[in-house]
Protein backbone atom coordinates (compact mmCIF):
# COMPACT_ATOMS: atom_id res chain seq x y z
CA MET A 1 0.00 0.00 0.00
CA ARG A 2 2.75 2.46 -0.90
CA TRP A 3 0.19 4.83 -2.39
CA LEU A 4 -1.57 5.18 0.97
CA THR A 5 0.77 7.77 2.44
CA GLY A 6 1.11 11.53 2.70
CA TYR A 7 -1.77 13.99 2.64
CA MET A 8 -5.10 13.02 1.07
CA SER A 9 -8.16 15.27 1.02
CA ASP A 10 -11.60 14.34 2.30
CA LEU A 11 -13.61 16.08 -0.44
CA PRO A 12 -16.95 17.78 0.23
CA THR A 13 -19.92 16.93 -1.94
CA PRO A 14 -20.88 20.00 -4.02
CA PHE A 15 -24.57 20.79 -4.38
CA ASP A 16 -26.16 23.14 -6.90
CA GLU A 17 -28.77 25.82 -6.18
CA ASN A 18 -31.50 23.14 -6.29
CA GLY A 19 -29.77 20.87 -3.81
CA GLU A 20 -28.70 18.34 -6.43
CA ILE A 21 -25.17 16.97 -6.68
CA ASP A 22 -22.93 19.22 -8.78
CA LEU A 23 -20.68 16.74 -10.57
CA THR A 24 -18.93 19.48 -12.56
CA SER A 25 -17.67 21.08 -9.36
CA LEU A 26 -16.75 17.67 -7.95
CA ALA A 27 -14.58 17.03 -11.01
CA ARG A 28 -12.97 20.45 -10.51
CA LEU A 29 -12.10 19.59 -6.91
CA CYS A 30 -10.63 16.25 -7.99
CA GLU A 31 -8.55 17.85 -10.74
CA ARG A 32 -7.16 20.40 -8.28
CA GLN A 33 -6.02 17.65 -5.93
CA ILE A 34 -4.49 15.62 -8.75
CA ALA A 35 -2.64 18.73 -9.98
CA ALA A 36 -1.23 19.08 -6.46
CA GLY A 37 0.19 15.56 -6.70
CA VAL A 38 -1.96 13.62 -4.23
CA SER A 39 -1.86 9.83 -4.33
CA ALA A 40 -5.50 9.37 -3.30
CA ILE A 41 -8.77 11.26 -2.88
CA VAL A 42 -11.59 10.47 -0.45
CA VAL A 43 -15.20 11.02 -1.56
CA GLY A 44 -18.54 10.41 0.13
CA GLU A 45 -17.21 10.42 3.69
CA THR A 46 -17.21 12.90 6.60
CA ALA A 47 -16.69 16.09 4.60
CA GLY A 48 -18.94 14.68 1.88
CA GLU A 49 -22.09 14.84 4.05
CA ALA A 50 -22.44 11.10 3.49
CA ALA A 51 -25.40 10.76 5.84
CA THR A 52 -27.53 12.93 3.55
CA LEU A 53 -26.69 11.08 0.31
CA THR A 54 -28.93 8.43 -1.20
CA PRO A 55 -27.26 5.18 -2.27
CA ALA A 56 -27.66 6.23 -5.89
CA GLU A 57 -26.03 9.60 -5.21
CA HIS A 58 -23.20 7.89 -3.37
CA GLY A 59 -22.55 5.69 -6.40
CA ALA A 60 -22.72 8.67 -8.74
CA ILE A 61 -20.10 10.57 -6.72
CA VAL A 62 -17.71 7.63 -6.73
CA ARG A 63 -18.18 7.04 -10.47
CA ALA A 64 -17.59 10.72 -11.21
CA ALA A 65 -14.40 10.78 -9.12
CA VAL A 66 -13.10 7.59 -10.74
CA GLY A 67 -13.90 8.95 -14.20
CA THR A 68 -12.12 12.22 -13.46
CA ALA A 69 -9.05 10.61 -11.93
CA ARG A 70 -8.54 8.09 -14.76
CA GLY A 71 -5.91 6.27 -12.71
CA ARG A 72 -3.93 9.40 -11.83
CA ALA A 73 -4.97 9.08 -8.19
CA ARG A 74 -6.67 6.33 -6.20
CA ILE A 75 -10.29 6.90 -5.23
CA ILE A 76 -11.27 5.96 -1.68
CA ALA A 77 -15.03 5.78 -1.24
CA GLY A 78 -16.70 6.40 2.08
CA ALA A 79 -18.92 3.39 2.68
CA GLY A 80 -19.75 3.49 6.37
CA SER A 81 -23.06 3.08 8.15
CA ASN A 82 -24.39 2.15 11.57
CA SER A 83 -26.28 -0.65 9.79
CA THR A 84 -24.02 -3.50 8.71
CA SER A 85 -26.28 -4.40 5.80
CA GLN A 86 -26.30 -0.80 4.56
CA ALA A 87 -22.51 -0.58 4.88
CA ILE A 88 -22.23 -3.73 2.78
CA GLU A 89 -24.58 -2.27 0.16
CA LEU A 90 -22.56 0.97 0.00
CA THR A 91 -19.38 -1.07 -0.32
CA ARG A 92 -20.83 -3.07 -3.20
CA ARG A 93 -21.88 0.15 -4.92
CA ALA A 94 -18.35 1.49 -4.47
CA VAL A 95 -17.00 -1.65 -6.12
CA ALA A 96 -19.40 -1.26 -9.04
CA ALA A 97 -18.41 2.39 -9.42
CA GLY A 98 -14.72 1.53 -9.67
CA ALA A 99 -13.35 2.64 -6.29
CA ASP A 100 -9.84 1.53 -5.34
CA ALA A 101 -10.64 1.19 -1.62
CA VAL A 102 -13.38 1.95 0.88
CA LEU A 103 -13.26 3.92 4.12
CA SER A 104 -15.57 2.43 6.73
CA VAL A 105 -16.40 4.19 9.99
CA VAL A 106 -17.12 2.65 13.39
CA PRO A 107 -20.92 2.21 13.66
CA TYR A 108 -22.43 5.34 15.23
CA TYR A 109 -25.47 5.89 17.44
CA ASN A 110 -26.01 2.16 18.13
CA LYS A 111 -23.13 2.07 20.65
CA PRO A 112 -22.02 -1.48 19.79
CA MET A 113 -19.61 -3.40 22.00
CA GLN A 114 -16.13 -4.20 20.64
CA ALA A 115 -17.23 -7.70 19.63
CA GLY A 116 -20.01 -6.14 17.55
CA ILE A 117 -17.63 -3.65 15.96
CA TYR A 118 -15.29 -6.50 15.01
CA ARG A 119 -18.09 -8.55 13.47
CA HIS A 120 -19.44 -5.47 11.63
CA PHE A 121 -16.14 -4.87 9.88
CA GLN A 122 -15.53 -8.56 9.27
CA ALA A 123 -18.92 -8.87 7.57
CA ILE A 124 -18.02 -5.96 5.29
CA ALA A 125 -14.69 -7.59 4.45
CA ASP A 126 -16.46 -10.86 3.64
CA SER A 127 -18.65 -9.00 1.13
CA THR A 128 -15.88 -7.52 -1.03
CA ASP A 129 -12.35 -7.91 -2.34
CA LEU A 130 -11.63 -4.19 -2.05
CA PRO A 131 -9.07 -2.96 0.51
CA ILE A 132 -10.69 -1.43 3.58
CA ILE A 133 -9.50 1.56 5.61
CA LEU A 134 -11.02 1.77 9.08
CA HIS A 135 -12.20 5.08 10.52
CA ASP A 136 -12.09 5.71 14.25
CA ILE A 137 -13.67 9.02 15.27
CA PRO A 138 -15.28 8.69 18.73
CA SER A 139 -16.45 12.32 18.80
CA ARG A 140 -18.97 11.36 16.10
CA THR A 141 -19.55 7.66 16.80
CA VAL A 142 -19.48 7.63 20.64
CA ARG A 143 -17.81 4.21 20.54
CA GLU A 144 -14.08 3.92 19.85
CA LEU A 145 -12.21 1.29 17.87
CA SER A 146 -10.02 -0.17 20.60
CA ASP A 147 -6.38 -1.01 20.02
CA ASP A 148 -7.15 -4.69 20.62
CA THR A 149 -9.98 -4.74 18.08
CA LEU A 150 -7.86 -2.89 15.54
CA ALA A 151 -4.96 -5.32 15.97
CA ARG A 152 -7.33 -8.24 15.58
CA LEU A 153 -8.84 -6.86 12.37
CA ALA A 154 -5.40 -5.98 10.96
CA ARG A 155 -4.47 -9.67 10.92
CA SER A 156 -6.45 -9.76 7.68
CA ARG A 157 -4.51 -8.17 4.81
CA GLN A 158 -7.79 -6.76 3.52
CA PHE A 159 -7.68 -4.09 6.23
CA ILE A 160 -4.93 -1.79 5.02
CA GLY A 161 -5.08 1.27 7.25
CA LEU A 162 -6.71 3.40 9.93
CA ARG A 163 -7.98 6.96 9.73
CA ASP A 164 -7.50 8.04 13.33
CA GLY A 165 -9.72 10.93 14.37
CA THR A 166 -9.13 10.50 18.10
CA GLY A 167 -6.42 13.16 18.40
CA ASP A 168 -4.32 10.61 20.32
CA ILE A 169 -0.88 11.52 18.97
CA ALA A 170 0.82 8.64 20.82
CA ARG A 171 -1.24 6.01 19.05
CA PRO A 172 1.29 5.27 16.27
CA LEU A 173 3.96 4.54 18.90
CA ARG A 174 1.59 2.33 20.83
CA LEU A 175 0.25 0.43 17.83
CA ARG A 176 3.15 0.01 15.44
CA SER A 177 4.55 -3.16 16.99
CA ARG A 178 1.09 -4.74 17.04
CA LEU A 179 0.28 -4.15 13.35
CA PRO A 180 1.56 -5.67 10.10
CA THR A 181 4.42 -3.80 8.45
CA GLY A 182 2.35 -2.42 5.59
CA PHE A 183 -0.63 -1.27 7.67
CA ARG A 184 -1.00 2.51 7.35
CA LEU A 185 -1.77 4.84 10.25
CA LEU A 186 -3.34 8.07 9.00
CA SER A 187 -4.31 11.06 11.10
CA GLY A 188 -7.86 12.28 10.68
CA ASP A 189 -7.31 15.41 12.76
CA ASP A 190 -5.55 18.37 11.16
CA ALA A 191 -4.80 20.07 14.48
CA THR A 192 -2.66 17.17 15.73
CA ALA A 193 -1.54 15.70 12.40
CA LEU A 194 2.08 16.89 12.57
CA ALA A 195 2.64 15.35 15.99
CA PHE A 196 0.96 12.15 14.78
CA LEU A 197 3.31 12.04 11.78
CA ALA A 198 6.40 12.82 13.85
CA LEU A 199 5.59 9.90 16.13
CA GLY A 200 5.34 7.39 13.31
CA GLY A 201 2.14 8.12 11.38
CA ASP A 202 2.08 7.54 7.63
CA GLY A 203 -0.11 10.41 6.48
CA CYS A 204 -3.30 12.35 6.98
CA ILE A 205 -6.80 12.32 5.51
CA SER A 206 -7.37 16.03 5.79
CA MET A 207 -9.87 18.85 5.54
CA VAL A 208 -7.18 21.55 5.32
CA SER A 209 -5.54 19.97 2.28
CA ASN A 210 -8.71 20.72 0.31
CA ILE A 211 -7.70 24.37 0.62
CA ALA A 212 -3.89 24.28 0.81
CA PRO A 213 -2.72 21.00 -0.74
CA GLN A 214 0.76 22.27 -1.56
CA ALA A 215 1.41 23.51 1.98
CA CYS A 216 0.28 20.16 3.39
CA ARG A 217 2.59 18.27 1.03
CA THR A 218 5.47 20.54 2.03
CA MET A 219 4.80 19.97 5.71
CA PHE A 220 4.69 16.20 5.21
CA SER A 221 7.93 16.06 3.21
CA ASN A 222 9.70 18.28 5.75
CA CYS A 223 8.58 16.00 8.55
CA ARG A 224 9.62 12.83 6.71
CA GLU A 225 13.03 14.27 5.87
CA GLY A 226 13.73 15.34 9.45
CA ARG A 227 13.25 19.07 8.95
CA LEU A 228 10.93 19.43 11.91
CA PRO A 229 11.41 23.19 12.45
CA SER A 230 10.30 23.79 8.85
CA ALA A 231 7.39 21.39 9.27
CA ARG A 232 6.33 23.15 12.47
CA PHE A 233 6.47 26.52 10.72
CA VAL A 234 4.10 25.35 7.98
CA HIS A 235 1.84 23.66 10.53
CA SER A 236 1.59 26.83 12.59
CA ARG A 237 0.73 28.85 9.48
CA LEU A 238 -2.09 26.40 8.71
CA GLY A 239 -3.32 26.42 12.32
CA PRO A 240 -5.94 29.20 12.02
CA LEU A 241 -7.40 27.54 8.93
CA ALA A 242 -7.56 24.14 10.66
CA THR A 243 -9.34 25.74 13.61
CA ALA A 244 -11.82 27.59 11.40
CA LEU A 245 -12.67 24.51 9.35
CA ALA A 246 -13.05 22.23 12.38
CA ARG A 247 -15.44 24.56 14.14
CA GLU A 248 -18.32 24.08 11.67
CA SER A 249 -17.37 21.30 9.29
CA PRO A 250 -18.23 20.77 6.46
CA ALA A 251 -20.03 24.11 6.03
CA ALA A 252 -16.81 25.99 6.74
CA LEU A 253 -14.88 23.87 4.25
CA LYS A 254 -17.47 24.51 1.57
CA TYR A 255 -17.39 28.24 2.24
CA ALA A 256 -13.60 28.27 2.00
CA LEU A 257 -13.71 26.50 -1.36
CA TYR A 258 -16.40 28.95 -2.45
CA LEU A 259 -14.01 31.82 -1.68
CA LEU A 260 -11.50 30.13 -3.96
CA GLY A 261 -14.08 29.99 -6.75
CA LEU A 262 -14.22 26.20 -6.78
CA MET A 263 -17.80 25.38 -5.73
CA ARG A 264 -20.98 26.74 -4.22
CA PRO A 265 -21.22 26.80 -0.41
CA ASN A 266 -24.57 24.95 -0.44
CA THR A 267 -25.17 22.27 2.19
CA ARG A 268 -28.02 19.89 3.02
CA LEU A 269 -30.04 19.94 6.20
CA PRO A 270 -29.33 19.54 9.01
CA ILE A 271 -26.13 21.39 7.99
CA VAL A 272 -26.81 25.06 7.25
CA GLU A 273 -24.84 27.99 5.87
CA LEU A 274 -22.23 29.61 8.11
CA ALA A 275 -23.07 32.63 10.23
CA GLU A 276 -21.36 35.87 9.24
CA ALA A 277 -18.81 35.71 12.07
CA ALA A 278 -17.75 32.22 11.00
CA LYS A 279 -17.47 33.34 7.38
CA ALA A 280 -15.17 36.16 8.45
CA GLU A 281 -13.00 33.72 10.40
CA VAL A 282 -12.64 31.42 7.39
CA ALA A 283 -11.83 34.32 5.06
CA SER A 284 -9.26 35.69 7.49
CA ALA A 285 -7.57 32.28 7.81
CA ILE A 286 -7.29 31.97 4.03
CA GLY A 287 -5.98 35.50 3.82
CA GLU A 288 -3.06 34.57 6.08
CA LEU A 289 -1.80 32.01 3.57
CA ASP A 290 0.48 32.58 0.61
CA ASP A 291 -0.97 32.14 -2.86
CA GLU A 292 1.55 29.31 -3.38
CA ASP A 293 0.05 27.45 -0.42
CA LEU A 294 -3.35 27.59 -2.06
CA ALA A 295 -1.94 26.02 -5.23
CA CYS A 296 -3.94 28.46 -7.37
CA ARG A 297 -3.59 27.99 -11.08
CA SER A 298 -5.01 29.72 -14.12
CA GLU A 299 -6.39 26.64 -15.92
CA SER A 300 -10.03 27.09 -16.85
CA TRP A 301 -11.14 24.02 -14.92
CA LEU A 302 -10.05 25.66 -11.68
CA GLY A 303 -12.33 28.64 -12.03
CA PRO A 304 -11.51 32.04 -10.53
CA CYS A 305 -9.19 31.77 -7.54
CA VAL A 306 -9.08 34.64 -5.10
CA SER A 307 -5.79 36.05 -3.94
CA LYS A 308 -4.64 36.22 -0.34
CA ALA A 309 -5.49 39.91 -0.15
CA ALA A 310 -8.91 39.43 -1.73
CA ALA A 311 -9.84 36.64 0.67
CA ALA A 312 -8.82 38.76 3.65
CA ALA A 313 -11.05 41.56 2.44
CA LEU A 314 -14.18 39.40 2.06
């Protein structure tokens, strides 16, 4: 799984003025990430408002991303649910749509015991040949994926990685000796990602890299090559943006991409548009970045891209 490393963006799902999926904008977001050199793109997961998508819409998003990427980046499809049968159905749709892997979250709301979590993921694995990345984010699921359950699942080569949204920066140190050599540990928390990487993590599935993919790649390479002061400098510069996006995600992420001219800020209920104070915070955070960090380009498929000064003035 050499491709499953570095920064990968969790893409939002663009909606048009009628609330329908905007596949043109989705393709634009994918192209921007590919131009930045990512190895993989995540669609239909946390930032993608997956809970509001119908199964047909989920399949359409994955197909559109696969068709846009054309092998230039791997497509990881969110396929999680608190219903095992629904998670299996989403996984099968991801297979049919051409996904390279699925990202499956710990079942939420039901509060299953660890034995139930294990059997949930094992049932999904039994339904497909696709590689599976596990997603542990207790702030959203209430239940955690314990180290013991993770180690047990990782005995199967079908489980290739973990997106860790716990903010537990010591987890790579604690887990590495218990996991197969090729199993990837990916941060799912931008605020603590650098520490996670410095302590043995393999990458990050990120919200911030939707906005500043080049800066995230620079931070990762600096960390990997032992230039920690440089990595910390980039991380600190991205800090206000990470804070602004995390406060009201994914509405804040969509608004930030709207400021860059890449998509509409439309969301689906129960997510609503940002309040004016939150919009100002997002615009200010973007305004603190260099244009190079935003990886703005003039190609027509990118659309108009605001400058640092323009974003700060919005």
